[in-house]
Amino acid sequence: MRLFLAIDLPEKIKTKIEKQIFDLKKQYPQFNWVNKENFHITLHFFGEVDDFKKIKEKIEKIIWDQKFFYLYSFNLDVFANHRLVLYLDFYREKEIEKLAETIKKSFAFNPYNQNKFIPHLTLARGPRSSKQQYYALKNKLNKIKINISFKIEKIFLYQSILKEKKPIYKKLAVFGLLDK
């Protein structure tokens, strides 16, 4: 089973984001937009895993003393690799960075998480474009301000079930964070 550890967003935050990107979605119908229900911030991607229980137990041991924290959105931006990835960026937060780094070290065998952790919410994926189209998109993204903040009190272990073009995410476990 394909597993990942993530932060789920409160429903009202998901709705607020969805409303604020509505016009952008109309302007870029060729993009594969993430469904509002699937909005999340990935802490760690495990990939295909045979022993779900072992992963769950290890996460429980890692986060037993993890305190809750807040996330604050920064801006919209785009990763440009073999395709474009539109995302909502968040300000740096030492608690989430510490958590992500601890999990990464604990699952060092995992080849999927070699890059530095950047807290972000993927909104859409699209085809590569010309430099001119890329900069026009970046310009549009810079003009959209999404100011959200929310408290993270839980993290979730998800199963990603690949169906046709859109994955289905199923919550398998919840891990509560400590009150300060």
C-alpha atoms as a PDB file:
ATOM      1  CA  MET A   1       0.000   0.000   0.000  1.00  0.00           C
ATOM      2  CA  ARG A   2       1.166   3.564  -0.818  1.00  0.00           C
ATOM      3  CA  LEU A   3       1.470   5.595   2.401  1.00  0.00           C
ATOM      4  CA  PHE A   4       2.235   9.171   3.343  1.00  0.00           C
ATOM      5  CA  LEU A   5       2.167  11.214   6.556  1.00  0.00           C
ATOM      6  CA  ALA A   6       0.403  14.569   6.292  1.00  0.00           C
ATOM      7  CA  ILE A   7      -1.370  17.487   7.882  1.00  0.00           C
ATOM      8  CA  ASP A   8      -5.045  17.795   7.049  1.00  0.00           C
ATOM      9  CA  LEU A   9      -6.476  21.304   6.837  1.00  0.00           C
ATOM     10  CA  PRO A  10      -9.647  22.417   8.619  1.00  0.00           C
ATOM     11  CA  GLU A  11     -12.692  22.363   6.336  1.00  0.00           C
ATOM     12  CA  LYS A  12     -13.239  26.148   6.545  1.00  0.00           C
ATOM     13  CA  ILE A  13      -9.611  26.721   5.461  1.00  0.00           C
ATOM     14  CA  LYS A  14     -10.036  24.366   2.500  1.00  0.00           C
ATOM     15  CA  THR A  15     -13.175  26.245   1.468  1.00  0.00           C
ATOM     16  CA  LYS A  16     -11.429  29.618   1.776  1.00  0.00           C
ATOM     17  CA  ILE A  17      -8.547  28.451  -0.424  1.00  0.00           C
ATOM     18  CA  GLU A  18     -10.953  26.974  -2.978  1.00  0.00           C
ATOM     19  CA  LYS A  19     -12.811  30.293  -3.250  1.00  0.00           C
ATOM     20  CA  GLN A  20      -9.599  32.276  -3.646  1.00  0.00           C
ATOM     21  CA  ILE A  21      -8.278  30.122  -6.500  1.00  0.00           C
ATOM     22  CA  PHE A  22     -11.621  29.884  -8.330  1.00  0.00           C
ATOM     23  CA  ASP A  23     -10.690  32.404 -11.046  1.00  0.00           C
ATOM     24  CA  LEU A  24      -7.249  30.867 -11.478  1.00  0.00           C
ATOM     25  CA  LYS A  25      -8.839  27.448 -12.063  1.00  0.00           C
ATOM     26  CA  LYS A  26     -11.003  28.940 -14.815  1.00  0.00           C
ATOM     27  CA  GLN A  27      -7.947  30.549 -16.450  1.00  0.00           C
ATOM     28  CA  TYR A  28      -5.976  27.257 -16.411  1.00  0.00           C
ATOM     29  CA  PRO A  29      -8.449  24.461 -17.215  1.00  0.00           C
ATOM     30  CA  GLN A  30      -5.624  22.381 -18.710  1.00  0.00           C
ATOM     31  CA  PHE A  31      -4.154  21.936 -15.222  1.00  0.00           C
ATOM     32  CA  ASN A  32      -5.000  18.934 -13.094  1.00  0.00           C
ATOM     33  CA  TRP A  33      -6.462  20.662 -10.004  1.00  0.00           C
ATOM     34  CA  VAL A  34      -6.415  18.948  -6.605  1.00  0.00           C
ATOM     35  CA  ASN A  35      -9.888  18.391  -5.183  1.00  0.00           C
ATOM     36  CA  LYS A  36     -10.592  20.472  -2.099  1.00  0.00           C
ATOM     37  CA  GLU A  37     -11.182  17.267  -0.097  1.00  0.00           C
ATOM     38  CA  ASN A  38      -7.615  16.183  -0.854  1.00  0.00           C
ATOM     39  CA  PHE A  39      -5.874  19.385   0.302  1.00  0.00           C
ATOM     40  CA  HIS A  40      -3.062  18.403   2.680  1.00  0.00           C
ATOM     41  CA  ILE A  41       0.551  19.179   3.527  1.00  0.00           C
ATOM     42  CA  THR A  42       2.773  16.129   3.135  1.00  0.00           C
ATOM     43  CA  LEU A  43       5.320  15.613   5.896  1.00  0.00           C
ATOM     44  CA  HIS A  44       6.741  12.374   4.553  1.00  0.00           C
ATOM     45  CA  PHE A  45       6.009  10.092   1.608  1.00  0.00           C
ATOM     46  CA  PHE A  46       6.704   6.407   2.300  1.00  0.00           C
ATOM     47  CA  GLY A  47       5.788   4.986  -1.098  1.00  0.00           C
ATOM     48  CA  GLU A  48       4.818   1.314  -1.318  1.00  0.00           C
ATOM     49  CA  VAL A  49       4.911  -0.267   2.139  1.00  0.00           C
ATOM     50  CA  ASP A  50       4.190  -3.841   3.209  1.00  0.00           C
ATOM     51  CA  ASP A  51       3.999  -3.421   6.992  1.00  0.00           C
ATOM     52  CA  PHE A  52       1.543  -0.660   7.887  1.00  0.00           C
ATOM     53  CA  LYS A  53       1.614  -1.534  11.621  1.00  0.00           C
ATOM     54  CA  LYS A  54       5.395  -1.179  11.858  1.00  0.00           C
ATOM     55  CA  ILE A  55       5.245   2.285  10.228  1.00  0.00           C
ATOM     56  CA  LYS A  56       2.409   3.359  12.554  1.00  0.00           C
ATOM     57  CA  GLU A  57       4.231   2.178  15.679  1.00  0.00           C
ATOM     58  CA  LYS A  58       7.439   3.927  14.629  1.00  0.00           C
ATOM     59  CA  ILE A  59       5.579   7.205  14.026  1.00  0.00           C
ATOM     60  CA  GLU A  60       3.935   6.942  17.463  1.00  0.00           C
ATOM     61  CA  LYS A  61       7.383   6.613  19.067  1.00  0.00           C
ATOM     62  CA  ILE A  62       8.785   9.524  17.069  1.00  0.00           C
ATOM     63  CA  ILE A  63       6.045  12.052  17.825  1.00  0.00           C
ATOM     64  CA  TRP A  64       5.151  11.167  21.425  1.00  0.00           C
ATOM     65  CA  ASP A  65       6.522  14.533  22.648  1.00  0.00           C
ATOM     66  CA  GLN A  66       5.708  16.679  19.591  1.00  0.00           C
ATOM     67  CA  LYS A  67       3.944  19.931  20.493  1.00  0.00           C
ATOM     68  CA  PHE A  68       1.183  21.490  18.417  1.00  0.00           C
ATOM     69  CA  PHE A  69       2.045  24.442  16.184  1.00  0.00           C
ATOM     70  CA  TYR A  70       0.507  26.950  13.793  1.00  0.00           C
ATOM     71  CA  LEU A  71       1.014  27.397  10.083  1.00  0.00           C
ATOM     72  CA  TYR A  72       0.676  30.719   8.256  1.00  0.00           C
ATOM     73  CA  SER A  73       0.392  30.945   4.488  1.00  0.00           C
ATOM     74  CA  PHE A  74       2.946  32.982   2.604  1.00  0.00           C
ATOM     75  CA  ASN A  75       2.067  33.116  -1.105  1.00  0.00           C
ATOM     76  CA  LEU A  76       1.278  31.104  -4.206  1.00  0.00           C
ATOM     77  CA  ASP A  77       4.191  29.828  -6.232  1.00  0.00           C
ATOM     78  CA  VAL A  78       5.170  27.199  -8.772  1.00  0.00           C
ATOM     79  CA  PHE A  79       7.764  24.424  -8.932  1.00  0.00           C
ATOM     80  CA  ALA A  80       8.999  23.911 -12.491  1.00  0.00           C
ATOM     81  CA  ASN A  81      10.442  20.465 -13.124  1.00  0.00           C
ATOM     82  CA  HIS A  82       9.256  18.147 -15.881  1.00  0.00           C
ATOM     83  CA  ARG A  83       5.817  19.725 -15.274  1.00  0.00           C
ATOM     84  CA  LEU A  84       4.488  22.718 -13.349  1.00  0.00           C
ATOM     85  CA  VAL A  85       3.255  22.334  -9.777  1.00  0.00           C
ATOM     86  CA  LEU A  86       1.223  25.216  -8.329  1.00  0.00           C
ATOM     87  CA  TYR A  87       1.333  25.390  -4.555  1.00  0.00           C
ATOM     88  CA  LEU A  88       0.506  27.487  -1.509  1.00  0.00           C
ATOM     89  CA  ASP A  89       3.673  28.244   0.428  1.00  0.00           C
ATOM     90  CA  PHE A  90       3.902  28.630   4.214  1.00  0.00           C
ATOM     91  CA  TYR A  91       6.213  30.609   6.465  1.00  0.00           C
ATOM     92  CA  ARG A  92       9.007  28.636   8.093  1.00  0.00           C
ATOM     93  CA  GLU A  93       7.969  27.026  11.378  1.00  0.00           C
ATOM     94  CA  LYS A  94      10.622  25.355  13.509  1.00  0.00           C
ATOM     95  CA  GLU A  95       8.252  22.747  14.987  1.00  0.00           C
ATOM     96  CA  ILE A  96       7.154  21.372  11.608  1.00  0.00           C
ATOM     97  CA  GLU A  97      10.719  21.462  10.278  1.00  0.00           C
ATOM     98  CA  LYS A  98      11.964  19.592  13.350  1.00  0.00           C
ATOM     99  CA  LEU A  99       9.162  17.034  13.003  1.00  0.00           C
ATOM    100  CA  ALA A 100       9.786  16.493   9.281  1.00  0.00           C
ATOM    101  CA  GLU A 101      13.552  16.132   9.836  1.00  0.00           C
ATOM    102  CA  THR A 102      13.075  13.634  12.697  1.00  0.00           C
ATOM    103  CA  ILE A 103      10.728  11.529  10.578  1.00  0.00           C
ATOM    104  CA  LYS A 104      13.103  11.709   7.608  1.00  0.00           C
ATOM    105  CA  LYS A 105      16.039  10.481   9.744  1.00  0.00           C
ATOM    106  CA  SER A 106      13.923   7.709  11.270  1.00  0.00           C
ATOM    107  CA  PHE A 107      12.966   6.437   7.827  1.00  0.00           C
ATOM    108  CA  ALA A 108      16.350   7.069   6.209  1.00  0.00           C
ATOM    109  CA  PHE A 109      15.965   4.038   3.953  1.00  0.00           C
ATOM    110  CA  ASN A 110      13.227   5.873   2.052  1.00  0.00           C
ATOM    111  CA  PRO A 111      14.485   7.138  -1.341  1.00  0.00           C
ATOM    112  CA  TYR A 112      11.468   9.461  -1.839  1.00  0.00           C
ATOM    113  CA  ASN A 113      12.422  12.102   0.717  1.00  0.00           C
ATOM    114  CA  GLN A 114      15.918  13.207  -0.179  1.00  0.00           C
ATOM    115  CA  ASN A 115      15.064  16.892  -0.662  1.00  0.00           C
ATOM    116  CA  LYS A 116      14.820  19.486   2.078  1.00  0.00           C
ATOM    117  CA  PHE A 117      11.325  19.691   3.542  1.00  0.00           C
ATOM    118  CA  ILE A 118       9.320  22.701   2.311  1.00  0.00           C
ATOM    119  CA  PRO A 119       5.851  22.984   3.860  1.00  0.00           C
ATOM    120  CA  HIS A 120       3.489  23.535   0.949  1.00  0.00           C
ATOM    121  CA  LEU A 121       0.003  22.650  -0.229  1.00  0.00           C
ATOM    122  CA  THR A 122      -0.100  21.381  -3.828  1.00  0.00           C
ATOM    123  CA  LEU A 123      -3.022  22.950  -5.685  1.00  0.00           C
ATOM    124  CA  ALA A 124      -2.506  21.840  -9.288  1.00  0.00           C
ATOM    125  CA  ARG A 125      -0.185  20.180 -11.763  1.00  0.00           C
ATOM    126  CA  GLY A 126       0.148  21.308 -15.327  1.00  0.00           C
ATOM    127  CA  PRO A 127       2.190  20.847 -18.472  1.00  0.00           C
ATOM    128  CA  ARG A 128       5.533  22.594 -18.948  1.00  0.00           C
ATOM    129  CA  SER A 129       5.195  25.894 -20.704  1.00  0.00           C
ATOM    130  CA  SER A 130       7.346  28.428 -22.495  1.00  0.00           C
ATOM    131  CA  LYS A 131       9.346  30.893 -20.417  1.00  0.00           C
ATOM    132  CA  GLN A 132       6.892  33.626 -21.354  1.00  0.00           C
ATOM    133  CA  GLN A 133       3.891  31.549 -20.194  1.00  0.00           C
ATOM    134  CA  TYR A 134       5.760  30.542 -17.039  1.00  0.00           C
ATOM    135  CA  TYR A 135       6.500  34.156 -16.088  1.00  0.00           C
ATOM    136  CA  ALA A 136       2.926  35.202 -16.891  1.00  0.00           C
ATOM    137  CA  LEU A 137       1.697  32.485 -14.510  1.00  0.00           C
ATOM    138  CA  LYS A 138       4.155  33.567 -11.791  1.00  0.00           C
ATOM    139  CA  ASN A 139       2.898  37.147 -12.215  1.00  0.00           C
ATOM    140  CA  LYS A 140      -0.708  36.030 -11.721  1.00  0.00           C
ATOM    141  CA  LEU A 141       0.226  33.965  -8.679  1.00  0.00           C
ATOM    142  CA  ASN A 142       2.014  36.934  -7.096  1.00  0.00           C
ATOM    143  CA  LYS A 143      -1.200  38.970  -7.300  1.00  0.00           C
ATOM    144  CA  ILE A 144      -3.310  36.403  -5.443  1.00  0.00           C
ATOM    145  CA  LYS A 145      -3.055  36.735  -1.689  1.00  0.00           C
ATOM    146  CA  ILE A 146      -4.243  33.820   0.407  1.00  0.00           C
ATOM    147  CA  ASN A 147      -3.890  34.707   4.065  1.00  0.00           C
ATOM    148  CA  ILE A 148      -4.724  31.700   6.166  1.00  0.00           C
ATOM    149  CA  SER A 149      -3.497  30.344   9.463  1.00  0.00           C
ATOM    150  CA  PHE A 150      -4.487  27.307  11.450  1.00  0.00           C
ATOM    151  CA  LYS A 151      -3.425  25.226  14.419  1.00  0.00           C
ATOM    152  CA  ILE A 152      -1.980  21.765  13.824  1.00  0.00           C
ATOM    153  CA  GLU A 153      -3.041  19.448  16.639  1.00  0.00           C
ATOM    154  CA  LYS A 154      -3.001  16.156  14.693  1.00  0.00           C
ATOM    155  CA  ILE A 155      -1.198  14.519  11.842  1.00  0.00           C
ATOM    156  CA  PHE A 156      -2.498  11.640   9.757  1.00  0.00           C
ATOM    157  CA  LEU A 157      -1.158   8.548   8.071  1.00  0.00           C
ATOM    158  CA  TYR A 158      -2.866   8.204   4.700  1.00  0.00           C
ATOM    159  CA  GLN A 159      -3.140   5.523   2.108  1.00  0.00           C
ATOM    160  CA  SER A 160      -3.009   6.790  -1.464  1.00  0.00           C
ATOM    161  CA  ILE A 161      -5.141   4.700  -3.785  1.00  0.00           C
ATOM    162  CA  LEU A 162      -4.414   5.491  -7.427  1.00  0.00           C
ATOM    163  CA  LYS A 163      -7.636   5.479  -9.452  1.00  0.00           C
ATOM    164  CA  GLU A 164      -7.594   6.742 -13.021  1.00  0.00           C
ATOM    165  CA  LYS A 165      -6.289  10.358 -12.958  1.00  0.00           C
ATOM    166  CA  LYS A 166      -7.171  11.353  -9.368  1.00  0.00           C
ATOM    167  CA  PRO A 167      -5.887   9.554  -6.262  1.00  0.00           C
ATOM    168  CA  ILE A 168      -8.174   8.684  -3.364  1.00  0.00           C
ATOM    169  CA  TYR A 169      -6.766   9.376   0.098  1.00  0.00           C
ATOM    170  CA  LYS A 170      -7.874   7.210   2.992  1.00  0.00           C
ATOM    171  CA  LYS A 171      -6.978   8.105   6.594  1.00  0.00           C
ATOM    172  CA  LEU A 172      -5.508   5.059   8.305  1.00  0.00           C
ATOM    173  CA  ALA A 173      -4.248   6.547  11.583  1.00  0.00           C
ATOM    174  CA  VAL A 174      -4.310   9.800  13.534  1.00  0.00           C
ATOM    175  CA  PHE A 175      -1.552  11.042  15.835  1.00  0.00           C
ATOM    176  CA  GLY A 176      -2.353  13.765  18.353  1.00  0.00           C
ATOM    177  CA  LEU A 177       0.172  16.461  19.189  1.00  0.00           C
ATOM    178  CA  LEU A 178       0.740  17.745  22.722  1.00  0.00           C
ATOM    179  CA  ASP A 179      -0.740  20.898  24.117  1.00  0.00           C
ATOM    180  CA  LYS A 180       2.067  23.266  25.147  1.00  0.00           C
END
